[in-house]
Amino acid sequence: MKLSNAIRKRIKYYLKQKDMKIWDLCKATGIPCSTISTFMSGKTELLKLDTLLHICEGFEITLGEFFTDTTFDTAEQESNKD
């Protein structure tokens, strides 16, 4: 699984666990909804680490907790197609 897809999967997991919608996450983090929505829809594969840190803060978890999942054990780097 590509790393970006693994991150999307994990964000969806925490949205469900915290009974949140993307709008709730945007309000909790201050991140524009367009940033999160564009990433979650797959229109972009990139998410800055500081953005992910804010997402974790919105979920009230640490980055360590976020990445504590076997999905990341086999995550692959995105391929650069020119």
C-alpha atoms as a PDB file:
ATOM      1  CA  MET A   1       0.000   0.000   0.000  1.00  0.00           C
ATOM      2  CA  LYS A   2       1.255   3.471  -0.819  1.00  0.00           C
ATOM      3  CA  LEU A   3       2.152   5.607   2.165  1.00  0.00           C
ATOM      4  CA  SER A   4      -0.445   8.257   1.272  1.00  0.00           C
ATOM      5  CA  ASN A   5      -3.162   5.593   1.153  1.00  0.00           C
ATOM      6  CA  ALA A   6      -2.024   4.217   4.516  1.00  0.00           C
ATOM      7  CA  ILE A   7      -2.269   7.713   6.006  1.00  0.00           C
ATOM      8  CA  ARG A   8      -5.753   8.186   4.515  1.00  0.00           C
ATOM      9  CA  LYS A   9      -6.823   4.848   5.964  1.00  0.00           C
ATOM     10  CA  ARG A  10      -5.545   5.842   9.395  1.00  0.00           C
ATOM     11  CA  ILE A  11      -7.250   9.249   9.282  1.00  0.00           C
ATOM     12  CA  LYS A  12     -10.525   7.524   8.349  1.00  0.00           C
ATOM     13  CA  TYR A  13     -10.009   5.135  11.275  1.00  0.00           C
ATOM     14  CA  TYR A  14      -9.637   7.991  13.748  1.00  0.00           C
ATOM     15  CA  LEU A  15     -12.528   9.939  12.227  1.00  0.00           C
ATOM     16  CA  LYS A  16     -14.707   6.917  12.928  1.00  0.00           C
ATOM     17  CA  GLN A  17     -13.209   6.264  16.382  1.00  0.00           C
ATOM     18  CA  LYS A  18     -13.712   9.885  17.454  1.00  0.00           C
ATOM     19  CA  ASP A  19     -17.124  10.121  15.738  1.00  0.00           C
ATOM     20  CA  MET A  20     -15.904  13.082  13.695  1.00  0.00           C
ATOM     21  CA  LYS A  21     -16.448  14.344  10.181  1.00  0.00           C
ATOM     22  CA  ILE A  22     -13.796  16.149   8.141  1.00  0.00           C
ATOM     23  CA  TRP A  23     -15.495  19.438   9.060  1.00  0.00           C
ATOM     24  CA  ASP A  24     -15.047  18.641  12.778  1.00  0.00           C
ATOM     25  CA  LEU A  25     -11.391  17.840  12.192  1.00  0.00           C
ATOM     26  CA  CYS A  26     -10.892  21.123  10.340  1.00  0.00           C
ATOM     27  CA  LYS A  27     -12.464  23.059  13.202  1.00  0.00           C
ATOM     28  CA  ALA A  28     -10.327  21.212  15.781  1.00  0.00           C
ATOM     29  CA  THR A  29      -7.077  21.763  13.881  1.00  0.00           C
ATOM     30  CA  GLY A  30      -7.457  25.074  12.085  1.00  0.00           C
ATOM     31  CA  ILE A  31      -6.409  23.350   8.857  1.00  0.00           C
ATOM     32  CA  PRO A  32      -8.448  24.505   5.861  1.00  0.00           C
ATOM     33  CA  CYS A  33     -11.044  21.908   4.871  1.00  0.00           C
ATOM     34  CA  SER A  34      -9.791  22.141   1.293  1.00  0.00           C
ATOM     35  CA  THR A  35      -6.365  20.885   2.415  1.00  0.00           C
ATOM     36  CA  ILE A  36      -7.755  17.847   4.211  1.00  0.00           C
ATOM     37  CA  SER A  37     -10.448  17.144   1.611  1.00  0.00           C
ATOM     38  CA  THR A  38      -7.995  17.339  -1.291  1.00  0.00           C
ATOM     39  CA  PHE A  39      -5.703  14.844   0.419  1.00  0.00           C
ATOM     40  CA  MET A  40      -8.509  12.529   1.517  1.00  0.00           C
ATOM     41  CA  SER A  41     -10.018  12.443  -1.988  1.00  0.00           C
ATOM     42  CA  GLY A  42      -6.679  11.448  -3.493  1.00  0.00           C
ATOM     43  CA  LYS A  43      -6.355  14.609  -5.586  1.00  0.00           C
ATOM     44  CA  THR A  44      -2.988  15.103  -3.931  1.00  0.00           C
ATOM     45  CA  GLU A  45      -0.600  12.513  -2.545  1.00  0.00           C
ATOM     46  CA  LEU A  46       1.344  14.932  -0.363  1.00  0.00           C
ATOM     47  CA  LEU A  47       0.646  15.911   3.222  1.00  0.00           C
ATOM     48  CA  LYS A  48       3.192  17.939   5.148  1.00  0.00           C
ATOM     49  CA  LEU A  49       4.397  16.437   8.393  1.00  0.00           C
ATOM     50  CA  ASP A  50       3.378  19.526  10.367  1.00  0.00           C
ATOM     51  CA  THR A  51      -0.127  19.212   8.886  1.00  0.00           C
ATOM     52  CA  LEU A  52      -0.249  15.599  10.015  1.00  0.00           C
ATOM     53  CA  LEU A  53       0.914  16.696  13.474  1.00  0.00           C
ATOM     54  CA  HIS A  54      -2.007  19.151  13.643  1.00  0.00           C
ATOM     55  CA  ILE A  55      -4.372  16.386  12.536  1.00  0.00           C
ATOM     56  CA  CYS A  56      -3.073  14.212  15.367  1.00  0.00           C
ATOM     57  CA  GLU A  57      -3.579  17.080  17.803  1.00  0.00           C
ATOM     58  CA  GLY A  58      -7.162  17.383  16.527  1.00  0.00           C
ATOM     59  CA  PHE A  59      -7.659  13.695  17.315  1.00  0.00           C
ATOM     60  CA  GLU A  60      -5.891  14.208  20.677  1.00  0.00           C
ATOM     61  CA  ILE A  61      -3.265  11.587  19.848  1.00  0.00           C
ATOM     62  CA  THR A  62       0.484  11.643  19.262  1.00  0.00           C
ATOM     63  CA  LEU A  63       2.265  11.043  15.972  1.00  0.00           C
ATOM     64  CA  GLY A  64       3.546   7.841  17.546  1.00  0.00           C
ATOM     65  CA  GLU A  65       0.011   6.645  18.187  1.00  0.00           C
ATOM     66  CA  PHE A  66      -0.978   7.545  14.639  1.00  0.00           C
ATOM     67  CA  PHE A  67       1.808   5.445  13.122  1.00  0.00           C
ATOM     68  CA  THR A  68       1.295   2.525  15.535  1.00  0.00           C
ATOM     69  CA  ASP A  69      -0.492   0.328  13.042  1.00  0.00           C
ATOM     70  CA  THR A  70       0.680  -2.622  10.981  1.00  0.00           C
ATOM     71  CA  THR A  71      -0.480  -0.818   7.823  1.00  0.00           C
ATOM     72  CA  PHE A  72       2.694   1.263   8.008  1.00  0.00           C
ATOM     73  CA  ASP A  73       4.946  -1.813   8.256  1.00  0.00           C
ATOM     74  CA  THR A  74       4.480  -2.475   4.552  1.00  0.00           C
ATOM     75  CA  ALA A  75       3.766   1.037   3.287  1.00  0.00           C
ATOM     76  CA  GLU A  76       5.622   1.898   0.112  1.00  0.00           C
ATOM     77  CA  GLN A  77       7.054   5.141  -1.138  1.00  0.00           C
ATOM     78  CA  GLU A  78       5.135   6.949  -3.828  1.00  0.00           C
ATOM     79  CA  SER A  79       6.626   6.445  -7.283  1.00  0.00           C
ATOM     80  CA  ASN A  80       7.723   9.530  -9.187  1.00  0.00           C
ATOM     81  CA  LYS A  81       6.407   9.332 -12.723  1.00  0.00           C
ATOM     82  CA  ASP A  82       7.840  11.871 -15.110  1.00  0.00           C
END
